[in-house]
PDB file of N, CA and C in Angstrom:
ATOM      1  N   GLN A   1       0.850  -1.203   0.032  1.00  0.00           N
ATOM      2  CA  GLN A   1      -0.023  -0.012   0.036  1.00  0.00           C
ATOM      3  C   GLN A   1       0.853   1.256   0.008  1.00  0.00           C
ATOM      4  N   VAL A   2       0.661   2.120  -0.972  1.00  0.00           N
ATOM      5  CA  VAL A   2       1.457   3.347  -1.084  1.00  0.00           C
ATOM      6  C   VAL A   2       0.482   4.478  -1.276  1.00  0.00           C
ATOM      7  N   GLN A   3       0.775   5.606  -0.539  1.00  0.00           N
ATOM      8  CA  GLN A   3       0.029   6.903  -0.729  1.00  0.00           C
ATOM      9  C   GLN A   3       0.895   7.936  -1.288  1.00  0.00           C
ATOM     10  N   LEU A   4       0.437   8.756  -2.282  1.00  0.00           N
ATOM     11  CA  LEU A   4       1.178   9.816  -2.927  1.00  0.00           C
ATOM     12  C   LEU A   4       0.440  11.142  -2.781  1.00  0.00           C
ATOM     13  N   VAL A   5       1.110  12.133  -2.355  1.00  0.00           N
ATOM     14  CA  VAL A   5       0.490  13.477  -2.222  1.00  0.00           C
ATOM     15  C   VAL A   5       1.316  14.503  -2.974  1.00  0.00           C
ATOM     16  N   GLU A   6       0.710  15.197  -4.022  1.00  0.00           N
ATOM     17  CA  GLU A   6       1.520  16.192  -4.728  1.00  0.00           C
ATOM     18  C   GLU A   6       1.192  17.573  -4.084  1.00  0.00           C
ATOM     19  N   SER A   7       2.235  18.473  -4.326  1.00  0.00           N
ATOM     20  CA  SER A   7       2.028  19.936  -3.967  1.00  0.00           C
ATOM     21  C   SER A   7       2.988  20.685  -4.795  1.00  0.00           C
ATOM     22  N   GLY A   8       2.760  22.071  -4.818  1.00  0.00           N
ATOM     23  CA  GLY A   8       3.623  22.978  -5.472  1.00  0.00           C
ATOM     24  C   GLY A   8       3.059  23.587  -6.733  1.00  0.00           C
ATOM     25  N   GLY A   9       1.852  23.183  -7.196  1.00  0.00           N
ATOM     26  CA  GLY A   9       1.210  23.666  -8.327  1.00  0.00           C
ATOM     27  C   GLY A   9       0.780  25.112  -8.124  1.00  0.00           C
ATOM     28  N   GLY A  10       0.402  25.816  -9.142  1.00  0.00           N
ATOM     29  CA  GLY A  10      -0.043  27.177  -9.073  1.00  0.00           C
ATOM     30  C   GLY A  10      -0.132  27.833 -10.419  1.00  0.00           C
ATOM     31  N   SER A  11      -0.415  29.083 -10.475  1.00  0.00           N
ATOM     32  CA  SER A  11      -0.449  29.927 -11.647  1.00  0.00           C
ATOM     33  C   SER A  11       0.790  30.870 -11.771  1.00  0.00           C
ATOM     34  N   VAL A  12       1.409  30.853 -12.931  1.00  0.00           N
ATOM     35  CA  VAL A  12       2.600  31.567 -13.262  1.00  0.00           C
ATOM     36  C   VAL A  12       2.478  32.172 -14.668  1.00  0.00           C
ATOM     37  N   GLN A  13       3.412  33.088 -14.928  1.00  0.00           N
ATOM     38  CA  GLN A  13       3.529  33.700 -16.253  1.00  0.00           C
ATOM     39  C   GLN A  13       4.575  32.923 -17.081  1.00  0.00           C
ATOM     40  N   PRO A  14       4.447  32.987 -18.415  1.00  0.00           N
ATOM     41  CA  PRO A  14       5.503  32.315 -19.198  1.00  0.00           C
ATOM     42  C   PRO A  14       6.868  32.721 -18.825  1.00  0.00           C
ATOM     43  N   GLY A  15       7.790  31.766 -18.787  1.00  0.00           N
ATOM     44  CA  GLY A  15       9.232  32.000 -18.484  1.00  0.00           C
ATOM     45  C   GLY A  15       9.488  31.825 -17.041  1.00  0.00           C
ATOM     46  N   GLU A  16       8.548  31.773 -16.193  1.00  0.00           N
ATOM     47  CA  GLU A  16       8.686  31.557 -14.772  1.00  0.00           C
ATOM     48  C   GLU A  16       8.908  30.082 -14.377  1.00  0.00           C
ATOM     49  N   SER A  17       9.071  29.804 -13.136  1.00  0.00           N
ATOM     50  CA  SER A  17       9.443  28.359 -12.674  1.00  0.00           C
ATOM     51  C   SER A  17       8.499  27.997 -11.636  1.00  0.00           C
ATOM     52  N   LEU A  18       8.362  26.590 -11.414  1.00  0.00           N
ATOM     53  CA  LEU A  18       7.622  25.997 -10.358  1.00  0.00           C
ATOM     54  C   LEU A  18       8.342  24.787  -9.993  1.00  0.00           C
ATOM     55  N   ARG A  19       8.234  24.378  -8.725  1.00  0.00           N
ATOM     56  CA  ARG A  19       8.805  23.112  -8.281  1.00  0.00           C
ATOM     57  C   ARG A  19       7.727  22.276  -7.614  1.00  0.00           C
ATOM     58  N   LEU A  20       7.335  21.083  -8.251  1.00  0.00           N
ATOM     59  CA  LEU A  20       6.424  20.181  -7.749  1.00  0.00           C
ATOM     60  C   LEU A  20       7.043  19.164  -6.801  1.00  0.00           C
ATOM     61  N   SER A  21       6.360  18.797  -5.799  1.00  0.00           N
ATOM     62  CA  SER A  21       6.826  17.817  -4.819  1.00  0.00           C
ATOM     63  C   SER A  21       5.778  16.637  -4.676  1.00  0.00           C
ATOM     64  N   CYS A  22       6.219  15.492  -4.530  1.00  0.00           N
ATOM     65  CA  CYS A  22       5.342  14.323  -4.327  1.00  0.00           C
ATOM     66  C   CYS A  22       5.860  13.480  -3.166  1.00  0.00           C
ATOM     67  N   ALA A  23       5.163  13.476  -2.040  1.00  0.00           N
ATOM     68  CA  ALA A  23       5.587  12.753  -0.857  1.00  0.00           C
ATOM     69  C   ALA A  23       4.907  11.440  -0.799  1.00  0.00           C
ATOM     70  N   ALA A  24       5.734  10.339  -0.608  1.00  0.00           N
ATOM     71  CA  ALA A  24       5.175   8.962  -0.535  1.00  0.00           C
ATOM     72  C   ALA A  24       5.241   8.492   0.821  1.00  0.00           C
ATOM     73  N   SER A  25       4.231   7.631   1.144  1.00  0.00           N
ATOM     74  CA  SER A  25       4.186   7.027   2.493  1.00  0.00           C
ATOM     75  C   SER A  25       3.598   5.574   2.269  1.00  0.00           C
ATOM     76  N   GLY A  26       3.845   4.709   3.259  1.00  0.00           N
ATOM     77  CA  GLY A  26       3.327   3.380   3.220  1.00  0.00           C
ATOM     78  C   GLY A  26       4.587   2.407   2.973  1.00  0.00           C
ATOM     79  N   SER A  27       4.412   1.588   1.973  1.00  0.00           N
ATOM     80  CA  SER A  27       5.536   0.518   1.728  1.00  0.00           C
ATOM     81  C   SER A  27       6.580   1.164   0.848  1.00  0.00           C
ATOM     82  N   ILE A  28       7.313   2.095   1.391  1.00  0.00           N
ATOM     83  CA  ILE A  28       8.366   2.831   0.703  1.00  0.00           C
ATOM     84  C   ILE A  28       9.434   1.952   0.133  1.00  0.00           C
ATOM     85  N   PHE A  29       9.819   0.918   0.901  1.00  0.00           N
ATOM     86  CA  PHE A  29      10.930  -0.039   0.458  1.00  0.00           C
ATOM     87  C   PHE A  29      10.642  -0.738  -0.867  1.00  0.00           C
ATOM     88  N   ARG A  30       9.413  -0.872  -1.184  1.00  0.00           N
ATOM     89  CA  ARG A  30       8.959  -1.630  -2.403  1.00  0.00           C
ATOM     90  C   ARG A  30       8.855  -0.714  -3.579  1.00  0.00           C
ATOM     91  N   ILE A  31       8.995   0.536  -3.477  1.00  0.00           N
ATOM     92  CA  ILE A  31       8.856   1.497  -4.630  1.00  0.00           C
ATOM     93  C   ILE A  31      10.090   1.386  -5.502  1.00  0.00           C
ATOM     94  N   ASP A  32       9.860   1.263  -6.798  1.00  0.00           N
ATOM     95  CA  ASP A  32      10.950   1.263  -7.832  1.00  0.00           C
ATOM     96  C   ASP A  32      10.948   2.576  -8.583  1.00  0.00           C
ATOM     97  N   ALA A  33      10.549   2.629  -9.852  1.00  0.00           N
ATOM     98  CA  ALA A  33      10.592   3.750 -10.585  1.00  0.00           C
ATOM     99  C   ALA A  33       9.441   4.747 -10.193  1.00  0.00           C
ATOM    100  N   MET A  34       9.728   5.978 -10.346  1.00  0.00           N
ATOM    101  CA  MET A  34       8.674   7.043 -10.078  1.00  0.00           C
ATOM    102  C   MET A  34       8.653   8.060 -11.239  1.00  0.00           C
ATOM    103  N   GLY A  35       7.523   8.775 -11.409  1.00  0.00           N
ATOM    104  CA  GLY A  35       7.507   9.631 -12.597  1.00  0.00           C
ATOM    105  C   GLY A  35       6.369  10.723 -12.380  1.00  0.00           C
ATOM    106  N   TRP A  36       6.386  11.572 -13.326  1.00  0.00           N
ATOM    107  CA  TRP A  36       5.324  12.640 -13.385  1.00  0.00           C
ATOM    108  C   TRP A  36       4.599  12.509 -14.693  1.00  0.00           C
ATOM    109  N   TYR A  37       3.256  12.620 -14.705  1.00  0.00           N
ATOM    110  CA  TYR A  37       2.402  12.663 -15.816  1.00  0.00           C
ATOM    111  C   TYR A  37       1.625  13.940 -15.839  1.00  0.00           C
ATOM    112  N   ARG A  38       1.052  14.281 -16.971  1.00  0.00           N
ATOM    113  CA  ARG A  38       0.154  15.485 -17.056  1.00  0.00           C
ATOM    114  C   ARG A  38      -0.980  15.252 -17.993  1.00  0.00           C
ATOM    115  N   GLN A  39      -2.068  15.932 -17.747  1.00  0.00           N
ATOM    116  CA  GLN A  39      -3.254  15.808 -18.554  1.00  0.00           C
ATOM    117  C   GLN A  39      -3.855  17.277 -18.788  1.00  0.00           C
ATOM    118  N   ALA A  40      -3.921  17.734 -19.957  1.00  0.00           N
ATOM    119  CA  ALA A  40      -4.573  18.920 -20.285  1.00  0.00           C
ATOM    120  C   ALA A  40      -6.015  18.714 -20.662  1.00  0.00           C
ATOM    121  N   PRO A  41      -6.899  19.721 -20.593  1.00  0.00           N
ATOM    122  CA  PRO A  41      -8.360  19.510 -20.892  1.00  0.00           C
ATOM    123  C   PRO A  41      -8.523  18.969 -22.374  1.00  0.00           C
ATOM    124  N   GLY A  42      -9.201  17.873 -22.521  1.00  0.00           N
ATOM    125  CA  GLY A  42      -9.464  17.286 -23.886  1.00  0.00           C
ATOM    126  C   GLY A  42      -8.324  16.501 -24.372  1.00  0.00           C
ATOM    127  N   LYS A  43      -7.277  16.318 -23.622  1.00  0.00           N
ATOM    128  CA  LYS A  43      -6.130  15.502 -24.015  1.00  0.00           C
ATOM    129  C   LYS A  43      -5.969  14.252 -23.157  1.00  0.00           C
ATOM    130  N   GLN A  44      -5.276  13.306 -23.731  1.00  0.00           N
ATOM    131  CA  GLN A  44      -4.910  12.099 -22.969  1.00  0.00           C
ATOM    132  C   GLN A  44      -3.711  12.417 -22.004  1.00  0.00           C
ATOM    133  N   ARG A  45      -3.736  11.605 -20.924  1.00  0.00           N
ATOM    134  CA  ARG A  45      -2.651  11.739 -19.958  1.00  0.00           C
ATOM    135  C   ARG A  45      -1.360  11.287 -20.604  1.00  0.00           C
ATOM    136  N   GLU A  46      -0.271  12.088 -20.444  1.00  0.00           N
ATOM    137  CA  GLU A  46       1.018  11.794 -21.101  1.00  0.00           C
ATOM    138  C   GLU A  46       2.122  11.789 -20.012  1.00  0.00           C
ATOM    139  N   SER A  47       3.142  11.002 -20.280  1.00  0.00           N
ATOM    140  CA  SER A  47       4.242  10.941 -19.448  1.00  0.00           C
ATOM    141  C   SER A  47       5.168  12.214 -19.637  1.00  0.00           C
ATOM    142  N   VAL A  48       5.632  12.783 -18.577  1.00  0.00           N
ATOM    143  CA  VAL A  48       6.498  13.989 -18.659  1.00  0.00           C
ATOM    144  C   VAL A  48       7.875  13.613 -18.305  1.00  0.00           C
ATOM    145  N   ALA A  49       8.156  12.988 -17.214  1.00  0.00           N
ATOM    146  CA  ALA A  49       9.486  12.550 -16.769  1.00  0.00           C
ATOM    147  C   ALA A  49       9.431  11.343 -15.857  1.00  0.00           C
ATOM    148  N   ALA A  50      10.527  10.559 -15.824  1.00  0.00           N
ATOM    149  CA  ALA A  50      10.511   9.399 -15.020  1.00  0.00           C
ATOM    150  C   ALA A  50      12.017   9.142 -14.420  1.00  0.00           C
ATOM    151  N   ILE A  51      12.025   8.477 -13.303  1.00  0.00           N
ATOM    152  CA  ILE A  51      13.336   8.388 -12.644  1.00  0.00           C
ATOM    153  C   ILE A  51      13.350   6.986 -11.986  1.00  0.00           C
ATOM    154  N   THR A  52      14.396   6.118 -12.271  1.00  0.00           N
ATOM    155  CA  THR A  52      14.513   4.806 -11.701  1.00  0.00           C
ATOM    156  C   THR A  52      15.080   4.892 -10.308  1.00  0.00           C
ATOM    157  N   ARG A  53      15.118   3.814  -9.620  1.00  0.00           N
ATOM    158  CA  ARG A  53      15.686   3.585  -8.263  1.00  0.00           C
ATOM    159  C   ARG A  53      17.173   3.986  -8.400  1.00  0.00           C
ATOM    160  N   GLY A  54      17.843   3.678  -9.515  1.00  0.00           N
ATOM    161  CA  GLY A  54      19.236   4.008  -9.783  1.00  0.00           C
ATOM    162  C   GLY A  54      19.462   5.388 -10.215  1.00  0.00           C
ATOM    163  N   SER A  55      18.440   6.273 -10.198  1.00  0.00           N
ATOM    164  CA  SER A  55      18.584   7.616 -10.562  1.00  0.00           C
ATOM    165  C   SER A  55      18.715   7.871 -12.024  1.00  0.00           C
ATOM    166  N   ILE A  56      18.369   6.955 -12.930  1.00  0.00           N
ATOM    167  CA  ILE A  56      18.449   7.085 -14.373  1.00  0.00           C
ATOM    168  C   ILE A  56      17.090   7.844 -14.744  1.00  0.00           C
ATOM    169  N   THR A  57      17.245   8.952 -15.547  1.00  0.00           N
ATOM    170  CA  THR A  57      16.101   9.773 -15.842  1.00  0.00           C
ATOM    171  C   THR A  57      15.789   9.724 -17.363  1.00  0.00           C
ATOM    172  N   ASN A  58      14.484   9.947 -17.657  1.00  0.00           N
ATOM    173  CA  ASN A  58      14.028  10.100 -18.958  1.00  0.00           C
ATOM    174  C   ASN A  58      12.966  11.181 -19.076  1.00  0.00           C
ATOM    175  N   TYR A  59      12.963  12.012 -20.198  1.00  0.00           N
ATOM    176  CA  TYR A  59      12.119  13.116 -20.300  1.00  0.00           C
ATOM    177  C   TYR A  59      11.400  13.034 -21.670  1.00  0.00           C
ATOM    178  N   ALA A  60      10.153  13.552 -21.687  1.00  0.00           N
ATOM    179  CA  ALA A  60       9.486  13.776 -22.844  1.00  0.00           C
ATOM    180  C   ALA A  60      10.010  14.779 -23.719  1.00  0.00           C
ATOM    181  N   ASP A  61      10.001  14.778 -25.028  1.00  0.00           N
ATOM    182  CA  ASP A  61      10.696  15.733 -25.876  1.00  0.00           C
ATOM    183  C   ASP A  61      10.220  17.169 -25.607  1.00  0.00           C
ATOM    184  N   PRO A  62       8.967  17.533 -25.325  1.00  0.00           N
ATOM    185  CA  PRO A  62       8.573  18.887 -25.121  1.00  0.00           C
ATOM    186  C   PRO A  62       9.180  19.540 -23.804  1.00  0.00           C
ATOM    187  N   VAL A  63       9.676  18.738 -22.872  1.00  0.00           N
ATOM    188  CA  VAL A  63      10.206  19.309 -21.612  1.00  0.00           C
ATOM    189  C   VAL A  63      11.656  19.127 -21.470  1.00  0.00           C
ATOM    190  N   LYS A  64      12.351  18.455 -22.391  1.00  0.00           N
ATOM    191  CA  LYS A  64      13.789  18.209 -22.299  1.00  0.00           C
ATOM    192  C   LYS A  64      14.520  19.563 -22.265  1.00  0.00           C
ATOM    193  N   SER A  65      15.446  19.702 -21.279  1.00  0.00           N
ATOM    194  CA  SER A  65      16.272  20.804 -21.077  1.00  0.00           C
ATOM    195  C   SER A  65      15.647  21.902 -20.227  1.00  0.00           C
ATOM    196  N   ARG A  66      14.338  21.729 -19.973  1.00  0.00           N
ATOM    197  CA  ARG A  66      13.554  22.682 -19.121  1.00  0.00           C
ATOM    198  C   ARG A  66      13.131  22.160 -17.851  1.00  0.00           C
ATOM    199  N   PHE A  67      12.786  20.842 -17.741  1.00  0.00           N
ATOM    200  CA  PHE A  67      12.349  20.206 -16.550  1.00  0.00           C
ATOM    201  C   PHE A  67      13.409  19.212 -16.007  1.00  0.00           C
ATOM    202  N   THR A  68      13.502  19.093 -14.643  1.00  0.00           N
ATOM    203  CA  THR A  68      14.464  18.165 -14.074  1.00  0.00           C
ATOM    204  C   THR A  68      13.713  17.390 -12.988  1.00  0.00           C
ATOM    205  N   ILE A  69      13.757  16.071 -13.046  1.00  0.00           N
ATOM    206  CA  ILE A  69      13.217  15.183 -12.056  1.00  0.00           C
ATOM    207  C   ILE A  69      14.303  14.663 -11.144  1.00  0.00           C
ATOM    208  N   SER A  70      13.962  14.553  -9.823  1.00  0.00           N
ATOM    209  CA  SER A  70      14.903  14.131  -8.833  1.00  0.00           C
ATOM    210  C   SER A  70      14.159  13.342  -7.737  1.00  0.00           C
ATOM    211  N   ARG A  71      14.848  12.670  -6.892  1.00  0.00           N
ATOM    212  CA  ARG A  71      14.211  11.982  -5.763  1.00  0.00           C
ATOM    213  C   ARG A  71      15.164  12.035  -4.536  1.00  0.00           C
ATOM    214  N   ASP A  72      14.443  12.081  -3.387  1.00  0.00           N
ATOM    215  CA  ASP A  72      15.172  12.172  -2.135  1.00  0.00           C
ATOM    216  C   ASP A  72      14.651  11.017  -1.207  1.00  0.00           C
ATOM    217  N   ASN A  73      15.421   9.929  -1.094  1.00  0.00           N
ATOM    218  CA  ASN A  73      14.929   8.762  -0.342  1.00  0.00           C
ATOM    219  C   ASN A  73      14.806   9.053   1.126  1.00  0.00           C
ATOM    220  N   ALA A  74      15.585   9.954   1.693  1.00  0.00           N
ATOM    221  CA  ALA A  74      15.515  10.297   3.141  1.00  0.00           C
ATOM    222  C   ALA A  74      14.166  10.992   3.386  1.00  0.00           C
ATOM    223  N   LYS A  75      13.639  11.735   2.464  1.00  0.00           N
ATOM    224  CA  LYS A  75      12.356  12.373   2.651  1.00  0.00           C
ATOM    225  C   LYS A  75      11.238  11.617   1.986  1.00  0.00           C
ATOM    226  N   ASN A  76      11.595  10.570   1.293  1.00  0.00           N
ATOM    227  CA  ASN A  76      10.462   9.680   0.523  1.00  0.00           C
ATOM    228  C   ASN A  76       9.700  10.706  -0.397  1.00  0.00           C
ATOM    229  N   THR A  77      10.450  11.381  -1.180  1.00  0.00           N
ATOM    230  CA  THR A  77       9.863  12.400  -2.061  1.00  0.00           C
ATOM    231  C   THR A  77      10.531  12.496  -3.416  1.00  0.00           C
ATOM    232  N   VAL A  78       9.660  12.693  -4.451  1.00  0.00           N
ATOM    233  CA  VAL A  78      10.144  12.948  -5.806  1.00  0.00           C
ATOM    234  C   VAL A  78       9.754  14.399  -6.214  1.00  0.00           C
ATOM    235  N   TYR A  79      10.651  15.014  -6.993  1.00  0.00           N
ATOM    236  CA  TYR A  79      10.494  16.471  -7.286  1.00  0.00           C
ATOM    237  C   TYR A  79      10.475  16.589  -8.837  1.00  0.00           C
ATOM    238  N   LEU A  80       9.799  17.709  -9.303  1.00  0.00           N
ATOM    239  CA  LEU A  80       9.863  18.030 -10.642  1.00  0.00           C
ATOM    240  C   LEU A  80      10.137  19.599 -10.757  1.00  0.00           C
ATOM    241  N   GLN A  81      11.377  19.927 -11.023  1.00  0.00           N
ATOM    242  CA  GLN A  81      11.736  21.398 -11.156  1.00  0.00           C
ATOM    243  C   GLN A  81      11.424  21.774 -12.704  1.00  0.00           C
ATOM    244  N   MET A  82      10.447  22.792 -12.763  1.00  0.00           N
ATOM    245  CA  MET A  82       9.987  23.172 -14.054  1.00  0.00           C
ATOM    246  C   MET A  82      10.429  24.631 -14.406  1.00  0.00           C
ATOM    247  N   ASN A  83      11.405  24.763 -15.269  1.00  0.00           N
ATOM    248  CA  ASN A  83      11.811  26.116 -15.666  1.00  0.00           C
ATOM    249  C   ASN A  83      11.387  26.552 -17.050  1.00  0.00           C
ATOM    250  N   SER A  84      11.362  27.845 -17.341  1.00  0.00           N
ATOM    251  CA  SER A  84      11.003  28.324 -18.649  1.00  0.00           C
ATOM    252  C   SER A  84       9.631  27.793 -19.045  1.00  0.00           C
ATOM    253  N   LEU A  85       8.682  27.923 -18.135  1.00  0.00           N
ATOM    254  CA  LEU A  85       7.372  27.397 -18.328  1.00  0.00           C
ATOM    255  C   LEU A  85       6.613  28.112 -19.521  1.00  0.00           C
ATOM    256  N   LYS A  86       5.920  27.256 -20.407  1.00  0.00           N
ATOM    257  CA  LYS A  86       5.216  27.803 -21.491  1.00  0.00           C
ATOM    258  C   LYS A  86       3.704  27.628 -21.316  1.00  0.00           C
ATOM    259  N   PRO A  87       2.850  28.316 -22.017  1.00  0.00           N
ATOM    260  CA  PRO A  87       1.415  28.126 -21.865  1.00  0.00           C
ATOM    261  C   PRO A  87       1.035  26.656 -22.160  1.00  0.00           C
ATOM    262  N   GLU A  88       1.661  26.006 -23.116  1.00  0.00           N
ATOM    263  CA  GLU A  88       1.381  24.665 -23.440  1.00  0.00           C
ATOM    264  C   GLU A  88       1.689  23.607 -22.290  1.00  0.00           C
ATOM    265  N   ASP A  89       2.365  24.037 -21.278  1.00  0.00           N
ATOM    266  CA  ASP A  89       2.666  23.203 -20.104  1.00  0.00           C
ATOM    267  C   ASP A  89       1.495  23.166 -19.160  1.00  0.00           C
ATOM    268  N   THR A  90       0.478  24.014 -19.422  1.00  0.00           N
ATOM    269  CA  THR A  90      -0.753  24.067 -18.595  1.00  0.00           C
ATOM    270  C   THR A  90      -1.437  22.673 -18.596  1.00  0.00           C
ATOM    271  N   ALA A  91      -1.609  22.099 -17.307  1.00  0.00           N
ATOM    272  CA  ALA A  91      -2.216  20.777 -17.230  1.00  0.00           C
ATOM    273  C   ALA A  91      -2.363  20.494 -15.713  1.00  0.00           C
ATOM    274  N   VAL A  92      -3.027  19.387 -15.401  1.00  0.00           N
ATOM    275  CA  VAL A  92      -2.998  18.755 -14.114  1.00  0.00           C
ATOM    276  C   VAL A  92      -1.849  17.732 -14.075  1.00  0.00           C
ATOM    277  N   TYR A  93      -0.934  17.861 -13.147  1.00  0.00           N
ATOM    278  CA  TYR A  93       0.314  17.080 -13.039  1.00  0.00           C
ATOM    279  C   TYR A  93       0.073  16.010 -11.981  1.00  0.00           C
ATOM    280  N   TYR A  94       0.293  14.690 -12.288  1.00  0.00           N
ATOM    281  CA  TYR A  94       0.113  13.615 -11.418  1.00  0.00           C
ATOM    282  C   TYR A  94       1.408  12.880 -11.143  1.00  0.00           C
ATOM    283  N   CYS A  95       1.667  12.527  -9.988  1.00  0.00           N
ATOM    284  CA  CYS A  95       2.769  11.752  -9.404  1.00  0.00           C
ATOM    285  C   CYS A  95       2.454  10.198  -9.529  1.00  0.00           C
ATOM    286  N   ASN A  96       3.343   9.489 -10.020  1.00  0.00           N
ATOM    287  CA  ASN A  96       3.214   7.980 -10.211  1.00  0.00           C
ATOM    288  C   ASN A  96       4.390   7.273  -9.553  1.00  0.00           C
ATOM    289  N   ALA A  97       4.067   6.107  -9.016  1.00  0.00           N
ATOM    290  CA  ALA A  97       5.041   5.238  -8.356  1.00  0.00           C
ATOM    291  C   ALA A  97       4.842   3.752  -8.712  1.00  0.00           C
ATOM    292  N   ASP A  98       5.744   3.034  -9.074  1.00  0.00           N
ATOM    293  CA  ASP A  98       5.696   1.623  -9.348  1.00  0.00           C
ATOM    294  C   ASP A  98       6.006   0.889  -8.014  1.00  0.00           C
ATOM    295  N   HIS A  99       5.087   0.110  -7.539  1.00  0.00           N
ATOM    296  CA  HIS A  99       5.257  -0.735  -6.363  1.00  0.00           C
ATOM    297  C   HIS A  99       5.440  -2.197  -6.705  1.00  0.00           C
ATOM    298  N   VAL A 100       6.551  -2.759  -6.362  1.00  0.00           N
ATOM    299  CA  VAL A 100       6.848  -4.121  -6.684  1.00  0.00           C
ATOM    300  C   VAL A 100       6.388  -5.009  -5.585  1.00  0.00           C
ATOM    301  N   GLU A 101       5.397  -5.867  -5.895  1.00  0.00           N
ATOM    302  CA  GLU A 101       4.881  -6.758  -4.886  1.00  0.00           C
ATOM    303  C   GLU A 101       5.565  -8.168  -4.880  1.00  0.00           C
ATOM    304  N   PHE A 102       5.268  -9.007  -3.938  1.00  0.00           N
ATOM    305  CA  PHE A 102       5.831 -10.255  -3.809  1.00  0.00           C
ATOM    306  C   PHE A 102       5.523 -11.108  -5.078  1.00  0.00           C
ATOM    307  N   GLY A 103       6.535 -11.729  -5.673  1.00  0.00           N
ATOM    308  CA  GLY A 103       6.364 -12.441  -6.910  1.00  0.00           C
ATOM    309  C   GLY A 103       6.762 -11.627  -8.084  1.00  0.00           C
ATOM    310  N   GLY A 104       7.015 -10.342  -7.950  1.00  0.00           N
ATOM    311  CA  GLY A 104       7.510  -9.440  -8.971  1.00  0.00           C
ATOM    312  C   GLY A 104       6.378  -8.692  -9.647  1.00  0.00           C
ATOM    313  N   ARG A 105       5.186  -8.841  -9.218  1.00  0.00           N
ATOM    314  CA  ARG A 105       4.071  -8.068  -9.836  1.00  0.00           C
ATOM    315  C   ARG A 105       4.207  -6.613  -9.478  1.00  0.00           C
ATOM    316  N   VAL A 106       3.983  -5.753 -10.543  1.00  0.00           N
ATOM    317  CA  VAL A 106       4.214  -4.286 -10.348  1.00  0.00           C
ATOM    318  C   VAL A 106       2.789  -3.607 -10.392  1.00  0.00           C
ATOM    319  N   THR A 107       2.502  -2.754  -9.345  1.00  0.00           N
ATOM    320  CA  THR A 107       1.249  -2.044  -9.244  1.00  0.00           C
ATOM    321  C   THR A 107       1.584  -0.617  -9.328  1.00  0.00           C
ATOM    322  N   GLY A 108       0.969   0.141 -10.120  1.00  0.00           N
ATOM    323  CA  GLY A 108       1.180   1.527 -10.204  1.00  0.00           C
ATOM    324  C   GLY A 108       0.214   2.315  -9.289  1.00  0.00           C
ATOM    325  N   TYR A 109       0.743   3.331  -8.537  1.00  0.00           N
ATOM    326  CA  TYR A 109      -0.013   4.181  -7.640  1.00  0.00           C
ATOM    327  C   TYR A 109       0.007   5.619  -8.160  1.00  0.00           C
ATOM    328  N   TRP A 110      -1.063   6.344  -7.890  1.00  0.00           N
ATOM    329  CA  TRP A 110      -1.168   7.696  -8.429  1.00  0.00           C
ATOM    330  C   TRP A 110      -1.580   8.645  -7.279  1.00  0.00           C
ATOM    331  N   GLY A 111      -1.037   9.981  -7.363  1.00  0.00           N
ATOM    332  CA  GLY A 111      -1.464  10.948  -6.504  1.00  0.00           C
ATOM    333  C   GLY A 111      -2.799  11.543  -7.051  1.00  0.00           C
ATOM    334  N   GLN A 112      -3.288  12.548  -6.307  1.00  0.00           N
ATOM    335  CA  GLN A 112      -4.565  13.187  -6.629  1.00  0.00           C
ATOM    336  C   GLN A 112      -4.413  14.225  -7.717  1.00  0.00           C
ATOM    337  N   GLY A 113      -3.205  14.721  -8.031  1.00  0.00           N
ATOM    338  CA  GLY A 113      -2.980  15.725  -9.070  1.00  0.00           C
ATOM    339  C   GLY A 113      -2.877  17.152  -8.527  1.00  0.00           C
ATOM    340  N   THR A 114      -2.032  18.001  -9.169  1.00  0.00           N
ATOM    341  CA  THR A 114      -1.961  19.346  -8.790  1.00  0.00           C
ATOM    342  C   THR A 114      -1.983  20.195 -10.138  1.00  0.00           C
ATOM    343  N   GLN A 115      -2.730  21.320 -10.088  1.00  0.00           N
ATOM    344  CA  GLN A 115      -2.893  22.175 -11.279  1.00  0.00           C
ATOM    345  C   GLN A 115      -1.768  23.057 -11.507  1.00  0.00           C
ATOM    346  N   VAL A 116      -1.323  23.140 -12.734  1.00  0.00           N
ATOM    347  CA  VAL A 116      -0.301  24.038 -13.152  1.00  0.00           C
ATOM    348  C   VAL A 116      -0.805  24.890 -14.319  1.00  0.00           C
ATOM    349  N   THR A 117      -0.914  26.242 -14.122  1.00  0.00           N
ATOM    350  CA  THR A 117      -1.457  27.089 -15.169  1.00  0.00           C
ATOM    351  C   THR A 117      -0.398  28.103 -15.568  1.00  0.00           C
ATOM    352  N   VAL A 118      -0.092  28.210 -16.829  1.00  0.00           N
ATOM    353  CA  VAL A 118       0.861  29.236 -17.378  1.00  0.00           C
ATOM    354  C   VAL A 118       0.229  30.130 -18.376  1.00  0.00           C
ATOM    355  N   SER A 119       0.140  31.402 -18.058  1.00  0.00           N
ATOM    356  CA  SER A 119      -0.557  32.341 -18.843  1.00  0.00           C
ATOM    357  C   SER A 119      -0.024  33.800 -18.568  1.00  0.00           C
ATOM    358  N   SER A 120      -0.367  34.659 -19.503  1.00  0.00           N
ATOM    359  CA  SER A 120       0.086  36.015 -19.418  1.00  0.00           C
ATOM    360  C   SER A 120      -0.798  36.810 -18.452  1.00  0.00           C
TER     361      SER A 120
END
């Protein structure tokens, strides 16, 4: 059982920055990869960034060089630093964690989402 709580969303102007946080609780030891997804109105949910237990990262093309994902095991938290924000980054951002159960079965857990709005 894993619980995820996102924070740090808000409204900013183009070019500004935001830092999202996702705090995990529960069976922390069993968490493997973590990531951030986003969903804009009328669009499908899409992957933004992911980070493995070994700190290997991967980013979607639209956010490469602008966003940085990181994790802090001491605080059981994953972060998304979002720089040079654009209006097209506007979406609800969701935290995701892969939980490895006994036998190797992987179950995905999701946070409730946090709104990010970028406009003039």
